[in-house]
Amino acid sequence: MSKLKPARVRQLVFGFFMSGIMSFLMSGVITLINTGVDAGYPARWAAAFLVAWVVAFPLVTFIAPVAGKLTDLALRRFES
């Protein structure tokens, strides 16, 4: 079995942290907007965060390379 390349490991670790942070923040904001703050808010936020992260991590892992390529294409137009 082959070893993962350092660039691939970095991409997975980056995706793990990026998806976790974004899921945490976005689920908190959306839960706040939809339900307000009361005694049950932390539990609702935690449940929403877990669902969001389970969805976000694989998406970030697969979408990040596409976003990188789109960024390269967009920035080529601004090169001299």
C-alpha atoms as a PDB file:
ATOM      1  CA  MET A   1       0.000   0.000   0.000  1.00  0.00           C
ATOM      2  CA  SER A   2       1.366   3.411  -0.922  1.00  0.00           C
ATOM      3  CA  LYS A   3       1.849   6.222   1.533  1.00  0.00           C
ATOM      4  CA  LEU A   4      -0.154   9.402   1.263  1.00  0.00           C
ATOM      5  CA  LYS A   5       1.776  12.285  -0.229  1.00  0.00           C
ATOM      6  CA  PRO A   6       2.460  15.228   2.117  1.00  0.00           C
ATOM      7  CA  ALA A   7       0.390  17.542  -0.116  1.00  0.00           C
ATOM      8  CA  ARG A   8      -2.605  15.183   0.168  1.00  0.00           C
ATOM      9  CA  VAL A   9      -2.212  14.928   3.946  1.00  0.00           C
ATOM     10  CA  ARG A  10      -2.065  18.718   4.168  1.00  0.00           C
ATOM     11  CA  GLN A  11      -5.209  18.981   2.047  1.00  0.00           C
ATOM     12  CA  LEU A  12      -7.082  16.550   4.330  1.00  0.00           C
ATOM     13  CA  VAL A  13      -5.934  18.257   7.540  1.00  0.00           C
ATOM     14  CA  PHE A  14      -6.766  21.675   6.095  1.00  0.00           C
ATOM     15  CA  GLY A  15     -10.211  20.405   5.078  1.00  0.00           C
ATOM     16  CA  PHE A  16     -10.771  18.966   8.542  1.00  0.00           C
ATOM     17  CA  PHE A  17     -10.051  22.262  10.275  1.00  0.00           C
ATOM     18  CA  MET A  18     -11.684  24.514   7.674  1.00  0.00           C
ATOM     19  CA  SER A  19     -14.892  22.493   7.570  1.00  0.00           C
ATOM     20  CA  GLY A  20     -14.981  22.266  11.362  1.00  0.00           C
ATOM     21  CA  ILE A  21     -14.510  25.984  11.938  1.00  0.00           C
ATOM     22  CA  MET A  22     -16.939  27.016   9.217  1.00  0.00           C
ATOM     23  CA  SER A  23     -19.555  24.474  10.331  1.00  0.00           C
ATOM     24  CA  PHE A  24     -19.225  25.641  13.930  1.00  0.00           C
ATOM     25  CA  LEU A  25     -19.654  29.311  13.080  1.00  0.00           C
ATOM     26  CA  MET A  26     -22.337  28.956  10.419  1.00  0.00           C
ATOM     27  CA  SER A  27     -24.459  26.502  12.405  1.00  0.00           C
ATOM     28  CA  GLY A  28     -24.280  28.845  15.398  1.00  0.00           C
ATOM     29  CA  VAL A  29     -25.396  31.869  13.391  1.00  0.00           C
ATOM     30  CA  ILE A  30     -28.155  30.036  11.521  1.00  0.00           C
ATOM     31  CA  THR A  31     -29.449  28.375  14.695  1.00  0.00           C
ATOM     32  CA  LEU A  32     -29.482  31.786  16.397  1.00  0.00           C
ATOM     33  CA  ILE A  33     -31.401  33.392  13.533  1.00  0.00           C
ATOM     34  CA  ASN A  34     -33.910  30.550  13.246  1.00  0.00           C
ATOM     35  CA  THR A  35     -34.588  29.816  16.913  1.00  0.00           C
ATOM     36  CA  GLY A  36     -33.146  32.608  19.045  1.00  0.00           C
ATOM     37  CA  VAL A  37     -31.234  32.204  22.278  1.00  0.00           C
ATOM     38  CA  ASP A  38     -32.783  30.353  25.180  1.00  0.00           C
ATOM     39  CA  ALA A  39     -31.829  27.490  27.475  1.00  0.00           C
ATOM     40  CA  GLY A  40     -31.973  24.971  24.625  1.00  0.00           C
ATOM     41  CA  TYR A  41     -29.791  26.978  22.237  1.00  0.00           C
ATOM     42  CA  PRO A  42     -26.469  25.247  23.018  1.00  0.00           C
ATOM     43  CA  ALA A  43     -27.984  21.785  22.438  1.00  0.00           C
ATOM     44  CA  ARG A  44     -29.623  22.872  19.164  1.00  0.00           C
ATOM     45  CA  TRP A  45     -26.358  24.462  18.048  1.00  0.00           C
ATOM     46  CA  ALA A  46     -24.366  21.322  18.889  1.00  0.00           C
ATOM     47  CA  ALA A  47     -26.789  19.103  16.968  1.00  0.00           C
ATOM     48  CA  ALA A  48     -26.739  21.428  13.957  1.00  0.00           C
ATOM     49  CA  PHE A  49     -22.940  21.636  14.094  1.00  0.00           C
ATOM     50  CA  LEU A  50     -22.493  17.869  14.040  1.00  0.00           C
ATOM     51  CA  VAL A  51     -24.773  17.455  11.036  1.00  0.00           C
ATOM     52  CA  ALA A  52     -23.101  20.354   9.231  1.00  0.00           C
ATOM     53  CA  TRP A  53     -19.594  19.013   9.863  1.00  0.00           C
ATOM     54  CA  VAL A  54     -20.451  15.514   8.684  1.00  0.00           C
ATOM     55  CA  VAL A  55     -21.639  17.045   5.409  1.00  0.00           C
ATOM     56  CA  ALA A  56     -18.992  19.775   5.129  1.00  0.00           C
ATOM     57  CA  PHE A  57     -15.810  17.724   5.568  1.00  0.00           C
ATOM     58  CA  PRO A  58     -16.276  15.456   2.544  1.00  0.00           C
ATOM     59  CA  LEU A  59     -17.533  18.392   0.480  1.00  0.00           C
ATOM     60  CA  VAL A  60     -14.503  20.525   1.352  1.00  0.00           C
ATOM     61  CA  THR A  61     -12.198  17.610   0.608  1.00  0.00           C
ATOM     62  CA  PHE A  62     -13.587  17.234  -2.903  1.00  0.00           C
ATOM     63  CA  ILE A  63     -14.419  20.865  -3.664  1.00  0.00           C
ATOM     64  CA  ALA A  64     -11.162  22.488  -2.496  1.00  0.00           C
ATOM     65  CA  PRO A  65      -9.170  21.333  -5.561  1.00  0.00           C
ATOM     66  CA  VAL A  66     -11.923  22.601  -7.869  1.00  0.00           C
ATOM     67  CA  ALA A  67     -11.999  25.943  -6.045  1.00  0.00           C
ATOM     68  CA  GLY A  68      -8.219  26.167  -6.381  1.00  0.00           C
ATOM     69  CA  LYS A  69      -8.401  25.608 -10.130  1.00  0.00           C
ATOM     70  CA  LEU A  70     -11.186  28.172 -10.494  1.00  0.00           C
ATOM     71  CA  THR A  71      -9.102  30.645  -8.490  1.00  0.00           C
ATOM     72  CA  ASP A  72      -6.115  30.067 -10.759  1.00  0.00           C
ATOM     73  CA  LEU A  73      -8.295  30.641 -13.836  1.00  0.00           C
ATOM     74  CA  ALA A  74      -9.790  33.820 -12.393  1.00  0.00           C
ATOM     75  CA  LEU A  75      -6.435  35.261 -11.397  1.00  0.00           C
ATOM     76  CA  ARG A  76      -4.811  34.542 -14.763  1.00  0.00           C
ATOM     77  CA  ARG A  77      -6.946  37.323 -16.200  1.00  0.00           C
ATOM     78  CA  PHE A  78      -5.212  39.807 -13.896  1.00  0.00           C
ATOM     79  CA  GLU A  79      -1.648  38.740 -14.631  1.00  0.00           C
ATOM     80  CA  SER A  80       0.469  41.080 -16.732  1.00  0.00           C
END
